[in-house]
């Protein structure tokens, strides 16, 4: 089987992300989509860690498209990030994007407590 078809099985939101209609002057969204496309087709399908990471990135960028608050948060935080210069810059950026989303989810998710009536 073709690797690209195998990879797309793990990225159910691929076409929604790639075809996202962002504003003309939104360079950050354009770069994020380009990073996504580059990373998705550069992974090794036999590596479970990379498959998990690409699934998580797919979920994060799907939320980026759907959630305006997360989009603005990511756009603010991604410009302040420093990336190590090593052999895999895209992977480092992907890890940072996922980490920003984790922090966003933790920060914005409310914990609800159900009180017990006596």
PDB file of N, CA and C in Angstrom:
ATOM      1  N   UNK A   1       0.838  -1.186   0.000  1.00  0.00           N
ATOM      2  CA  UNK A   1       0.000   0.000   0.000  1.00  0.00           C
ATOM      3  C   UNK A   1       0.882   1.249   0.000  1.00  0.00           C
ATOM      4  N   UNK A   2       0.391   2.271  -0.620  1.00  0.00           N
ATOM      5  CA  UNK A   2       1.109   3.532  -0.703  1.00  0.00           C
ATOM      6  C   UNK A   2       1.192   4.175   0.684  1.00  0.00           C
ATOM      7  N   UNK A   3       2.388   4.686   1.038  1.00  0.00           N
ATOM      8  CA  UNK A   3       2.578   5.291   2.364  1.00  0.00           C
ATOM      9  C   UNK A   3       1.682   6.505   2.586  1.00  0.00           C
ATOM     10  N   UNK A   4       1.466   7.294   1.550  1.00  0.00           N
ATOM     11  CA  UNK A   4       0.645   8.494   1.743  1.00  0.00           C
ATOM     12  C   UNK A   4      -0.806   8.130   2.068  1.00  0.00           C
ATOM     13  N   UNK A   5      -1.324   7.082   1.459  1.00  0.00           N
ATOM     14  CA  UNK A   5      -2.676   6.640   1.801  1.00  0.00           C
ATOM     15  C   UNK A   5      -2.717   6.090   3.225  1.00  0.00           C
ATOM     16  N   UNK A   6      -1.672   5.399   3.616  1.00  0.00           N
ATOM     17  CA  UNK A   6      -1.583   4.862   4.972  1.00  0.00           C
ATOM     18  C   UNK A   6      -1.516   5.994   5.994  1.00  0.00           C
ATOM     19  N   UNK A   7      -0.750   7.013   5.694  1.00  0.00           N
ATOM     20  CA  UNK A   7      -0.618   8.163   6.601  1.00  0.00           C
ATOM     21  C   UNK A   7      -1.948   8.897   6.739  1.00  0.00           C
ATOM     22  N   UNK A   8      -2.666   9.048   5.639  1.00  0.00           N
ATOM     23  CA  UNK A   8      -3.933   9.784   5.677  1.00  0.00           C
ATOM     24  C   UNK A   8      -5.003   9.058   6.486  1.00  0.00           C
ATOM     25  N   UNK A   9      -4.833   7.767   6.715  1.00  0.00           N
ATOM     26  CA  UNK A   9      -5.750   7.048   7.606  1.00  0.00           C
ATOM     27  C   UNK A   9      -5.658   7.606   9.027  1.00  0.00           C
ATOM     28  N   UNK A  10      -4.468   8.070   9.399  1.00  0.00           N
ATOM     29  CA  UNK A  10      -4.243   8.591  10.745  1.00  0.00           C
ATOM     30  C   UNK A  10      -4.549  10.086  10.844  1.00  0.00           C
ATOM     31  N   UNK A  11      -4.867  10.705   9.721  1.00  0.00           N
ATOM     32  CA  UNK A  11      -5.157  12.142   9.692  1.00  0.00           C
ATOM     33  C   UNK A  11      -6.540  12.376   9.092  1.00  0.00           C
ATOM     34  N   UNK A  12      -7.600  12.129   9.855  1.00  0.00           N
ATOM     35  CA  UNK A  12      -8.946  12.271   9.296  1.00  0.00           C
ATOM     36  C   UNK A  12      -9.314  13.707   8.927  1.00  0.00           C
ATOM     37  N   UNK A  13      -8.606  14.678   9.475  1.00  0.00           N
ATOM     38  CA  UNK A  13      -8.912  16.091   9.209  1.00  0.00           C
ATOM     39  C   UNK A  13      -7.981  16.715   8.176  1.00  0.00           C
ATOM     40  N   UNK A  14      -7.208  15.894   7.482  1.00  0.00           N
ATOM     41  CA  UNK A  14      -6.189  16.402   6.562  1.00  0.00           C
ATOM     42  C   UNK A  14      -6.777  17.376   5.541  1.00  0.00           C
ATOM     43  N   UNK A  15      -7.811  16.975   4.849  1.00  0.00           N
ATOM     44  CA  UNK A  15      -8.358  17.828   3.781  1.00  0.00           C
ATOM     45  C   UNK A  15      -9.024  19.084   4.344  1.00  0.00           C
ATOM     46  N   UNK A  16      -9.613  19.010   5.517  1.00  0.00           N
ATOM     47  CA  UNK A  16     -10.173  20.210   6.150  1.00  0.00           C
ATOM     48  C   UNK A  16      -9.070  21.200   6.499  1.00  0.00           C
ATOM     49  N   UNK A  17      -7.951  20.686   6.971  1.00  0.00           N
ATOM     50  CA  UNK A  17      -6.841  21.557   7.370  1.00  0.00           C
ATOM     51  C   UNK A  17      -6.165  22.159   6.142  1.00  0.00           C
ATOM     52  N   UNK A  18      -5.878  21.335   5.163  1.00  0.00           N
ATOM     53  CA  UNK A  18      -5.179  21.806   3.966  1.00  0.00           C
ATOM     54  C   UNK A  18      -6.043  22.786   3.169  1.00  0.00           C
ATOM     55  N   UNK A  19      -7.342  22.579   3.168  1.00  0.00           N
ATOM     56  CA  UNK A  19      -8.247  23.454   2.418  1.00  0.00           C
ATOM     57  C   UNK A  19      -8.830  24.578   3.265  1.00  0.00           C
ATOM     58  N   UNK A  20      -8.272  24.794   4.436  1.00  0.00           N
ATOM     59  CA  UNK A  20      -8.747  25.860   5.322  1.00  0.00           C
ATOM     60  C   UNK A  20      -8.589  27.206   4.632  1.00  0.00           C
ATOM     61  N   UNK A  21      -9.659  27.971   4.621  1.00  0.00           N
ATOM     62  CA  UNK A  21      -9.682  29.260   3.941  1.00  0.00           C
ATOM     63  C   UNK A  21      -9.349  30.363   4.948  1.00  0.00           C
ATOM     64  N   UNK A  22      -8.059  30.614   5.134  1.00  0.00           N
ATOM     65  CA  UNK A  22      -7.643  31.663   6.064  1.00  0.00           C
ATOM     66  C   UNK A  22      -7.563  32.989   5.318  1.00  0.00           C
ATOM     67  N   UNK A  23      -7.459  34.049   6.078  1.00  0.00           N
ATOM     68  CA  UNK A  23      -7.413  35.379   5.475  1.00  0.00           C
ATOM     69  C   UNK A  23      -6.139  35.546   4.659  1.00  0.00           C
ATOM     70  N   UNK A  24      -6.198  36.436   3.705  1.00  0.00           N
ATOM     71  CA  UNK A  24      -5.101  36.632   2.764  1.00  0.00           C
ATOM     72  C   UNK A  24      -3.794  37.043   3.445  1.00  0.00           C
ATOM     73  N   UNK A  25      -3.860  37.857   4.466  1.00  0.00           N
ATOM     74  CA  UNK A  25      -2.658  38.347   5.137  1.00  0.00           C
ATOM     75  C   UNK A  25      -2.302  37.543   6.389  1.00  0.00           C
ATOM     76  N   UNK A  26      -2.916  36.386   6.569  1.00  0.00           N
ATOM     77  CA  UNK A  26      -2.666  35.533   7.734  1.00  0.00           C
ATOM     78  C   UNK A  26      -1.502  34.587   7.438  1.00  0.00           C
ATOM     79  N   UNK A  27      -0.293  35.094   7.619  1.00  0.00           N
ATOM     80  CA  UNK A  27       0.908  34.314   7.303  1.00  0.00           C
ATOM     81  C   UNK A  27       1.135  33.171   8.284  1.00  0.00           C
ATOM     82  N   UNK A  28       0.712  33.353   9.520  1.00  0.00           N
ATOM     83  CA  UNK A  28       0.926  32.307  10.521  1.00  0.00           C
ATOM     84  C   UNK A  28       0.103  31.065  10.189  1.00  0.00           C
ATOM     85  N   UNK A  29      -1.149  31.256   9.816  1.00  0.00           N
ATOM     86  CA  UNK A  29      -1.978  30.101   9.435  1.00  0.00           C
ATOM     87  C   UNK A  29      -1.405  29.403   8.209  1.00  0.00           C
ATOM     88  N   UNK A  30      -0.943  30.181   7.270  1.00  0.00           N
ATOM     89  CA  UNK A  30      -0.334  29.601   6.066  1.00  0.00           C
ATOM     90  C   UNK A  30       0.896  28.764   6.425  1.00  0.00           C
ATOM     91  N   UNK A  31       1.728  29.285   7.300  1.00  0.00           N
ATOM     92  CA  UNK A  31       2.927  28.549   7.723  1.00  0.00           C
ATOM     93  C   UNK A  31       2.562  27.288   8.502  1.00  0.00           C
ATOM     94  N   UNK A  32       1.550  27.384   9.368  1.00  0.00           N
ATOM     95  CA  UNK A  32       1.131  26.215  10.133  1.00  0.00           C
ATOM     96  C   UNK A  32       0.616  25.104   9.214  1.00  0.00           C
ATOM     97  N   UNK A  33      -0.138  25.467   8.208  1.00  0.00           N
ATOM     98  CA  UNK A  33      -0.633  24.471   7.253  1.00  0.00           C
ATOM     99  C   UNK A  33       0.533  23.869   6.475  1.00  0.00           C
ATOM    100  N   UNK A  34       1.504  24.689   6.108  1.00  0.00           N
ATOM    101  CA  UNK A  34       2.687  24.175   5.399  1.00  0.00           C
ATOM    102  C   UNK A  34       3.510  23.230   6.282  1.00  0.00           C
ATOM    103  N   UNK A  35       3.652  23.583   7.550  1.00  0.00           N
ATOM    104  CA  UNK A  35       4.358  22.706   8.495  1.00  0.00           C
ATOM    105  C   UNK A  35       3.613  21.390   8.626  1.00  0.00           C
ATOM    106  N   UNK A  36       2.305  21.473   8.723  1.00  0.00           N
ATOM    107  CA  UNK A  36       1.474  20.275   8.825  1.00  0.00           C
ATOM    108  C   UNK A  36       1.679  19.369   7.615  1.00  0.00           C
ATOM    109  N   UNK A  37       1.582  19.931   6.419  1.00  0.00           N
ATOM    110  CA  UNK A  37       1.752  19.133   5.202  1.00  0.00           C
ATOM    111  C   UNK A  37       3.149  18.523   5.129  1.00  0.00           C
ATOM    112  N   UNK A  38       4.156  19.288   5.477  1.00  0.00           N
ATOM    113  CA  UNK A  38       5.529  18.786   5.442  1.00  0.00           C
ATOM    114  C   UNK A  38       5.727  17.645   6.425  1.00  0.00           C
ATOM    115  N   UNK A  39       5.200  17.836   7.621  1.00  0.00           N
ATOM    116  CA  UNK A  39       5.414  16.831   8.657  1.00  0.00           C
ATOM    117  C   UNK A  39       4.643  15.552   8.383  1.00  0.00           C
ATOM    118  N   UNK A  40       3.412  15.681   7.941  1.00  0.00           N
ATOM    119  CA  UNK A  40       2.568  14.506   7.727  1.00  0.00           C
ATOM    120  C   UNK A  40       3.222  13.525   6.751  1.00  0.00           C
ATOM    121  N   UNK A  41       3.782  14.033   5.693  1.00  0.00           N
ATOM    122  CA  UNK A  41       4.344  13.130   4.688  1.00  0.00           C
ATOM    123  C   UNK A  41       5.825  12.852   4.886  1.00  0.00           C
ATOM    124  N   UNK A  42       6.382  13.304   5.990  1.00  0.00           N
ATOM    125  CA  UNK A  42       7.787  13.001   6.272  1.00  0.00           C
ATOM    126  C   UNK A  42       7.954  11.929   7.347  1.00  0.00           C
ATOM    127  N   UNK A  43       6.848  11.488   7.944  1.00  0.00           N
ATOM    128  CA  UNK A  43       6.965  10.521   9.040  1.00  0.00           C
ATOM    129  C   UNK A  43       7.154   9.106   8.510  1.00  0.00           C
ATOM    130  N   UNK A  44       7.638   8.260   9.387  1.00  0.00           N
ATOM    131  CA  UNK A  44       7.799   6.838   9.107  1.00  0.00           C
ATOM    132  C   UNK A  44       6.549   6.130   9.629  1.00  0.00           C
ATOM    133  N   UNK A  45       5.848   5.437   8.754  1.00  0.00           N
ATOM    134  CA  UNK A  45       4.589   4.794   9.120  1.00  0.00           C
ATOM    135  C   UNK A  45       4.806   3.670  10.134  1.00  0.00           C
ATOM    136  N   UNK A  46       5.973   3.077  10.157  1.00  0.00           N
ATOM    137  CA  UNK A  46       6.246   1.986  11.087  1.00  0.00           C
ATOM    138  C   UNK A  46       6.596   2.474  12.500  1.00  0.00           C
ATOM    139  N   UNK A  47       6.819   3.757  12.668  1.00  0.00           N
ATOM    140  CA  UNK A  47       7.183   4.309  13.966  1.00  0.00           C
ATOM    141  C   UNK A  47       5.919   4.745  14.713  1.00  0.00           C
ATOM    142  N   UNK A  48       5.599   4.034  15.781  1.00  0.00           N
ATOM    143  CA  UNK A  48       4.375   4.323  16.547  1.00  0.00           C
ATOM    144  C   UNK A  48       4.389   5.715  17.171  1.00  0.00           C
ATOM    145  N   UNK A  49       5.542   6.153  17.627  1.00  0.00           N
ATOM    146  CA  UNK A  49       5.656   7.478  18.253  1.00  0.00           C
ATOM    147  C   UNK A  49       5.320   8.577  17.244  1.00  0.00           C
ATOM    148  N   UNK A  50       5.811   8.443  16.032  1.00  0.00           N
ATOM    149  CA  UNK A  50       5.521   9.447  15.007  1.00  0.00           C
ATOM    150  C   UNK A  50       4.053   9.407  14.592  1.00  0.00           C
ATOM    151  N   UNK A  51       3.471   8.223  14.565  1.00  0.00           N
ATOM    152  CA  UNK A  51       2.046   8.112  14.232  1.00  0.00           C
ATOM    153  C   UNK A  51       1.185   8.782  15.295  1.00  0.00           C
ATOM    154  N   UNK A  52       1.532   8.600  16.558  1.00  0.00           N
ATOM    155  CA  UNK A  52       0.801   9.266  17.638  1.00  0.00           C
ATOM    156  C   UNK A  52       0.944  10.780  17.539  1.00  0.00           C
ATOM    157  N   UNK A  53       2.153  11.228  17.217  1.00  0.00           N
ATOM    158  CA  UNK A  53       2.401  12.664  17.111  1.00  0.00           C
ATOM    159  C   UNK A  53       1.608  13.266  15.942  1.00  0.00           C
ATOM    160  N   UNK A  54       1.544  12.558  14.822  1.00  0.00           N
ATOM    161  CA  UNK A  54       0.820  13.095  13.670  1.00  0.00           C
ATOM    162  C   UNK A  54      -0.690  13.090  13.937  1.00  0.00           C
ATOM    163  N   UNK A  55      -1.180  12.112  14.670  1.00  0.00           N
ATOM    164  CA  UNK A  55      -2.592  12.111  15.048  1.00  0.00           C
ATOM    165  C   UNK A  55      -2.906  13.293  15.964  1.00  0.00           C
ATOM    166  N   UNK A  56      -2.013  13.543  16.901  1.00  0.00           N
ATOM    167  CA  UNK A  56      -2.201  14.662  17.824  1.00  0.00           C
ATOM    168  C   UNK A  56      -2.134  15.993  17.074  1.00  0.00           C
ATOM    169  N   UNK A  57      -1.190  16.124  16.151  1.00  0.00           N
ATOM    170  CA  UNK A  57      -1.089  17.350  15.357  1.00  0.00           C
ATOM    171  C   UNK A  57      -2.339  17.557  14.524  1.00  0.00           C
ATOM    172  N   UNK A  58      -2.876  16.485  13.970  1.00  0.00           N
ATOM    173  CA  UNK A  58      -4.104  16.560  13.197  1.00  0.00           C
ATOM    174  C   UNK A  58      -5.250  17.077  14.069  1.00  0.00           C
ATOM    175  N   UNK A  59      -5.336  16.570  15.280  1.00  0.00           N
ATOM    176  CA  UNK A  59      -6.376  17.002  16.215  1.00  0.00           C
ATOM    177  C   UNK A  59      -6.177  18.467  16.607  1.00  0.00           C
ATOM    178  N   UNK A  60      -4.934  18.857  16.843  1.00  0.00           N
ATOM    179  CA  UNK A  60      -4.640  20.233  17.255  1.00  0.00           C
ATOM    180  C   UNK A  60      -5.000  21.214  16.150  1.00  0.00           C
ATOM    181  N   UNK A  61      -4.590  20.939  14.925  1.00  0.00           N
ATOM    182  CA  UNK A  61      -4.878  21.876  13.848  1.00  0.00           C
ATOM    183  C   UNK A  61      -6.352  21.868  13.457  1.00  0.00           C
ATOM    184  N   UNK A  62      -7.027  20.777  13.704  1.00  0.00           N
ATOM    185  CA  UNK A  62      -8.469  20.758  13.511  1.00  0.00           C
ATOM    186  C   UNK A  62      -9.132  21.707  14.510  1.00  0.00           C
ATOM    187  N   UNK A  63      -8.655  21.689  15.738  1.00  0.00           N
ATOM    188  CA  UNK A  63      -9.150  22.631  16.747  1.00  0.00           C
ATOM    189  C   UNK A  63      -8.746  24.062  16.419  1.00  0.00           C
ATOM    190  N   UNK A  64      -7.582  24.226  15.814  1.00  0.00           N
ATOM    191  CA  UNK A  64      -7.119  25.543  15.389  1.00  0.00           C
ATOM    192  C   UNK A  64      -8.109  26.157  14.398  1.00  0.00           C
ATOM    193  N   UNK A  65      -8.620  25.334  13.510  1.00  0.00           N
ATOM    194  CA  UNK A  65      -9.577  25.801  12.513  1.00  0.00           C
ATOM    195  C   UNK A  65     -10.924  26.116  13.161  1.00  0.00           C
ATOM    196  N   UNK A  66     -11.360  25.264  14.061  1.00  0.00           N
ATOM    197  CA  UNK A  66     -12.701  25.370  14.626  1.00  0.00           C
ATOM    198  C   UNK A  66     -12.823  26.381  15.765  1.00  0.00           C
ATOM    199  N   UNK A  67     -11.768  26.576  16.530  1.00  0.00           N
ATOM    200  CA  UNK A  67     -11.831  27.382  17.752  1.00  0.00           C
ATOM    201  C   UNK A  67     -11.071  28.696  17.561  1.00  0.00           C
ATOM    202  N   UNK A  68     -11.822  29.781  17.456  1.00  0.00           N
ATOM    203  CA  UNK A  68     -11.199  31.085  17.235  1.00  0.00           C
ATOM    204  C   UNK A  68     -10.292  31.488  18.398  1.00  0.00           C
ATOM    205  N   UNK A  69     -10.703  31.198  19.616  1.00  0.00           N
ATOM    206  CA  UNK A  69      -9.899  31.561  20.785  1.00  0.00           C
ATOM    207  C   UNK A  69      -8.557  30.827  20.779  1.00  0.00           C
ATOM    208  N   UNK A  70      -8.585  29.536  20.439  1.00  0.00           N
ATOM    209  CA  UNK A  70      -7.322  28.799  20.352  1.00  0.00           C
ATOM    210  C   UNK A  70      -6.468  29.331  19.205  1.00  0.00           C
ATOM    211  N   UNK A  71      -7.086  29.680  18.098  1.00  0.00           N
ATOM    212  CA  UNK A  71      -6.340  30.213  16.957  1.00  0.00           C
ATOM    213  C   UNK A  71      -5.590  31.478  17.346  1.00  0.00           C
ATOM    214  N   UNK A  72      -6.259  32.383  18.034  1.00  0.00           N
ATOM    215  CA  UNK A  72      -5.598  33.623  18.442  1.00  0.00           C
ATOM    216  C   UNK A  72      -4.520  33.353  19.494  1.00  0.00           C
ATOM    217  N   UNK A  73      -4.778  32.400  20.390  1.00  0.00           N
ATOM    218  CA  UNK A  73      -3.779  32.043  21.401  1.00  0.00           C
ATOM    219  C   UNK A  73      -2.532  31.461  20.752  1.00  0.00           C
ATOM    220  N   UNK A  74      -2.721  30.536  19.832  1.00  0.00           N
ATOM    221  CA  UNK A  74      -1.576  29.922  19.156  1.00  0.00           C
ATOM    222  C   UNK A  74      -0.807  30.946  18.338  1.00  0.00           C
ATOM    223  N   UNK A  75      -1.511  31.827  17.669  1.00  0.00           N
ATOM    224  CA  UNK A  75      -0.833  32.843  16.872  1.00  0.00           C
ATOM    225  C   UNK A  75       0.003  33.788  17.736  1.00  0.00           C
ATOM    226  N   UNK A  76      -0.477  34.083  18.926  1.00  0.00           N
ATOM    227  CA  UNK A  76       0.289  34.947  19.829  1.00  0.00           C
ATOM    228  C   UNK A  76       1.516  34.231  20.385  1.00  0.00           C
ATOM    229  N   UNK A  77       1.343  32.963  20.748  1.00  0.00           N
ATOM    230  CA  UNK A  77       2.428  32.237  21.399  1.00  0.00           C
ATOM    231  C   UNK A  77       3.468  31.704  20.424  1.00  0.00           C
ATOM    232  N   UNK A  78       3.081  31.377  19.213  1.00  0.00           N
ATOM    233  CA  UNK A  78       4.017  30.760  18.277  1.00  0.00           C
ATOM    234  C   UNK A  78       5.095  31.755  17.821  1.00  0.00           C
ATOM    235  N   UNK A  79       4.783  33.034  17.819  1.00  0.00           N
ATOM    236  CA  UNK A  79       5.779  34.019  17.384  1.00  0.00           C
ATOM    237  C   UNK A  79       6.848  34.269  18.448  1.00  0.00           C
ATOM    238  N   UNK A  80       6.592  33.876  19.681  1.00  0.00           N
ATOM    239  CA  UNK A  80       7.573  34.075  20.748  1.00  0.00           C
ATOM    240  C   UNK A  80       8.428  32.840  21.009  1.00  0.00           C
ATOM    241  N   UNK A  81       8.167  31.774  20.279  1.00  0.00           N
ATOM    242  CA  UNK A  81       8.855  30.504  20.516  1.00  0.00           C
ATOM    243  C   UNK A  81      10.233  30.515  19.884  1.00  0.00           C
ATOM    244  N   UNK A  82      11.162  29.923  20.590  1.00  0.00           N
ATOM    245  CA  UNK A  82      12.516  29.733  20.057  1.00  0.00           C
ATOM    246  C   UNK A  82      12.713  28.249  19.794  1.00  0.00           C
ATOM    247  N   UNK A  83      13.209  27.958  18.603  1.00  0.00           N
ATOM    248  CA  UNK A  83      13.398  26.571  18.198  1.00  0.00           C
ATOM    249  C   UNK A  83      14.883  26.281  18.128  1.00  0.00           C
ATOM    250  N   UNK A  84      15.259  25.105  18.637  1.00  0.00           N
ATOM    251  CA  UNK A  84      16.654  24.690  18.578  1.00  0.00           C
ATOM    252  C   UNK A  84      17.043  24.415  17.134  1.00  0.00           C
ATOM    253  N   UNK A  85      18.245  24.791  16.796  1.00  0.00           N
ATOM    254  CA  UNK A  85      18.735  24.495  15.455  1.00  0.00           C
ATOM    255  C   UNK A  85      19.380  23.120  15.477  1.00  0.00           C
ATOM    256  N   UNK A  86      18.623  22.167  15.020  1.00  0.00           N
ATOM    257  CA  UNK A  86      19.183  20.828  14.879  1.00  0.00           C
ATOM    258  C   UNK A  86      18.664  20.233  13.581  1.00  0.00           C
ATOM    259  N   UNK A  87      18.784  18.945  13.440  1.00  0.00           N
ATOM    260  CA  UNK A  87      18.465  18.323  12.164  1.00  0.00           C
ATOM    261  C   UNK A  87      16.977  18.220  11.874  1.00  0.00           C
ATOM    262  N   UNK A  88      16.116  18.404  12.852  1.00  0.00           N
ATOM    263  CA  UNK A  88      14.689  18.239  12.602  1.00  0.00           C
ATOM    264  C   UNK A  88      13.882  19.398  13.195  1.00  0.00           C
ATOM    265  N   UNK A  89      13.916  20.527  12.531  1.00  0.00           N
ATOM    266  CA  UNK A  89      13.242  21.722  13.012  1.00  0.00           C
ATOM    267  C   UNK A  89      11.725  21.553  12.960  1.00  0.00           C
ATOM    268  N   UNK A  90      11.231  20.914  11.928  1.00  0.00           N
ATOM    269  CA  UNK A  90       9.771  20.746  11.795  1.00  0.00           C
ATOM    270  C   UNK A  90       9.224  19.921  12.944  1.00  0.00           C
ATOM    271  N   UNK A  91       9.934  18.863  13.315  1.00  0.00           N
ATOM    272  CA  UNK A  91       9.482  18.037  14.440  1.00  0.00           C
ATOM    273  C   UNK A  91       9.455  18.852  15.727  1.00  0.00           C
ATOM    274  N   UNK A  92      10.458  19.686  15.935  1.00  0.00           N
ATOM    275  CA  UNK A  92      10.477  20.546  17.119  1.00  0.00           C
ATOM    276  C   UNK A  92       9.295  21.515  17.118  1.00  0.00           C
ATOM    277  N   UNK A  93       8.983  22.076  15.964  1.00  0.00           N
ATOM    278  CA  UNK A  93       7.832  22.969  15.868  1.00  0.00           C
ATOM    279  C   UNK A  93       6.529  22.232  16.154  1.00  0.00           C
ATOM    280  N   UNK A  94       6.410  21.022  15.652  1.00  0.00           N
ATOM    281  CA  UNK A  94       5.214  20.215  15.903  1.00  0.00           C
ATOM    282  C   UNK A  94       5.061  19.960  17.399  1.00  0.00           C
ATOM    283  N   UNK A  95       6.156  19.611  18.058  1.00  0.00           N
ATOM    284  CA  UNK A  95       6.108  19.381  19.504  1.00  0.00           C
ATOM    285  C   UNK A  95       5.682  20.645  20.251  1.00  0.00           C
ATOM    286  N   UNK A  96       6.159  21.784  19.807  1.00  0.00           N
ATOM    287  CA  UNK A  96       5.808  23.051  20.449  1.00  0.00           C
ATOM    288  C   UNK A  96       4.326  23.368  20.235  1.00  0.00           C
ATOM    289  N   UNK A  97       3.826  23.137  19.029  1.00  0.00           N
ATOM    290  CA  UNK A  97       2.407  23.382  18.735  1.00  0.00           C
ATOM    291  C   UNK A  97       1.525  22.505  19.610  1.00  0.00           C
ATOM    292  N   UNK A  98       1.903  21.245  19.744  1.00  0.00           N
ATOM    293  CA  UNK A  98       1.139  20.316  20.580  1.00  0.00           C
ATOM    294  C   UNK A  98       1.189  20.740  22.044  1.00  0.00           C
ATOM    295  N   UNK A  99       2.347  21.204  22.487  1.00  0.00           N
ATOM    296  CA  UNK A  99       2.490  21.649  23.871  1.00  0.00           C
ATOM    297  C   UNK A  99       1.638  22.892  24.139  1.00  0.00           C
ATOM    298  N   UNK A 100       1.603  23.815  23.196  1.00  0.00           N
ATOM    299  CA  UNK A 100       0.774  25.014  23.351  1.00  0.00           C
ATOM    300  C   UNK A 100      -0.688  24.617  23.461  1.00  0.00           C
ATOM    301  N   UNK A 101      -1.109  23.642  22.653  1.00  0.00           N
ATOM    302  CA  UNK A 101      -2.500  23.188  22.717  1.00  0.00           C
ATOM    303  C   UNK A 101      -2.795  22.512  24.050  1.00  0.00           C
ATOM    304  N   UNK A 102      -1.867  21.723  24.546  1.00  0.00           N
ATOM    305  CA  UNK A 102      -2.067  21.070  25.852  1.00  0.00           C
ATOM    306  C   UNK A 102      -2.240  22.108  26.950  1.00  0.00           C
ATOM    307  N   UNK A 103      -1.403  23.126  26.928  1.00  0.00           N
ATOM    308  CA  UNK A 103      -1.522  24.200  27.912  1.00  0.00           C
ATOM    309  C   UNK A 103      -2.848  24.939  27.754  1.00  0.00           C
ATOM    310  N   UNK A 104      -3.261  25.172  26.532  1.00  0.00           N
ATOM    311  CA  UNK A 104      -4.526  25.846  26.266  1.00  0.00           C
ATOM    312  C   UNK A 104      -5.695  25.019  26.798  1.00  0.00           C
ATOM    313  N   UNK A 105      -5.677  23.726  26.504  1.00  0.00           N
ATOM    314  CA  UNK A 105      -6.756  22.844  26.973  1.00  0.00           C
ATOM    315  C   UNK A 105      -6.827  22.819  28.495  1.00  0.00           C
ATOM    316  N   UNK A 106      -5.671  22.718  29.115  1.00  0.00           N
ATOM    317  CA  UNK A 106      -5.629  22.666  30.576  1.00  0.00           C
ATOM    318  C   UNK A 106      -6.119  23.978  31.182  1.00  0.00           C
ATOM    319  N   UNK A 107      -5.755  25.076  30.564  1.00  0.00           N
ATOM    320  CA  UNK A 107      -6.116  26.391  31.074  1.00  0.00           C
ATOM    321  C   UNK A 107      -7.589  26.711  30.871  1.00  0.00           C
ATOM    322  N   UNK A 108      -8.143  26.328  29.717  1.00  0.00           N
ATOM    323  CA  UNK A 108      -9.513  26.729  29.400  1.00  0.00           C
ATOM    324  C   UNK A 108     -10.559  25.720  29.854  1.00  0.00           C
ATOM    325  N   UNK A 109     -10.152  24.503  30.119  1.00  0.00           N
ATOM    326  CA  UNK A 109     -11.121  23.503  30.542  1.00  0.00           C
ATOM    327  C   UNK A 109     -11.443  23.715  32.010  1.00  0.00           C
ATOM    328  N   UNK A 110     -12.709  23.848  32.274  1.00  0.00           N
ATOM    329  CA  UNK A 110     -13.130  24.038  33.651  1.00  0.00           C
ATOM    330  C   UNK A 110     -13.334  22.682  34.301  1.00  0.00           C
ATOM    331  N   UNK A 111     -13.040  22.624  35.561  1.00  0.00           N
ATOM    332  CA  UNK A 111     -13.320  21.418  36.325  1.00  0.00           C
ATOM    333  C   UNK A 111     -14.658  21.617  37.008  1.00  0.00           C
ATOM    334  N   UNK A 112     -15.563  20.716  36.730  1.00  0.00           N
ATOM    335  CA  UNK A 112     -16.883  20.801  37.321  1.00  0.00           C
ATOM    336  C   UNK A 112     -16.988  19.806  38.459  1.00  0.00           C
ATOM    337  N   UNK A 113     -17.488  20.281  39.538  1.00  0.00           N
ATOM    338  CA  UNK A 113     -17.704  19.430  40.689  1.00  0.00           C
ATOM    339  C   UNK A 113     -19.201  19.284  40.899  1.00  0.00           C
ATOM    340  N   UNK A 114     -19.645  18.075  41.041  1.00  0.00           N
ATOM    341  CA  UNK A 114     -21.052  17.831  41.294  1.00  0.00           C
ATOM    342  C   UNK A 114     -21.221  17.681  42.787  1.00  0.00           C
ATOM    343  N   UNK A 115     -21.973  18.584  43.328  1.00  0.00           N
ATOM    344  CA  UNK A 115     -22.166  18.521  44.785  1.00  0.00           C
ATOM    345  C   UNK A 115     -23.171  17.433  45.112  1.00  0.00           C
ATOM    346  N   UNK A 116     -23.001  16.871  46.230  1.00  0.00           N
ATOM    347  CA  UNK A 116     -23.884  15.790  46.668  1.00  0.00           C
ATOM    348  C   UNK A 116     -24.887  16.368  47.674  1.00  0.00           C
ATOM    349  N   UNK A 117     -26.140  16.193  47.374  1.00  0.00           N
ATOM    350  CA  UNK A 117     -27.173  16.687  48.268  1.00  0.00           C
ATOM    351  C   UNK A 117     -27.366  15.706  49.414  1.00  0.00           C
ATOM    352  N   UNK A 118     -27.443  16.275  50.568  1.00  0.00           N
ATOM    353  CA  UNK A 118     -27.626  15.428  51.760  1.00  0.00           C
ATOM    354  C   UNK A 118     -29.085  15.304  52.072  1.00  0.00           C
TER     355      UNK A 118
END
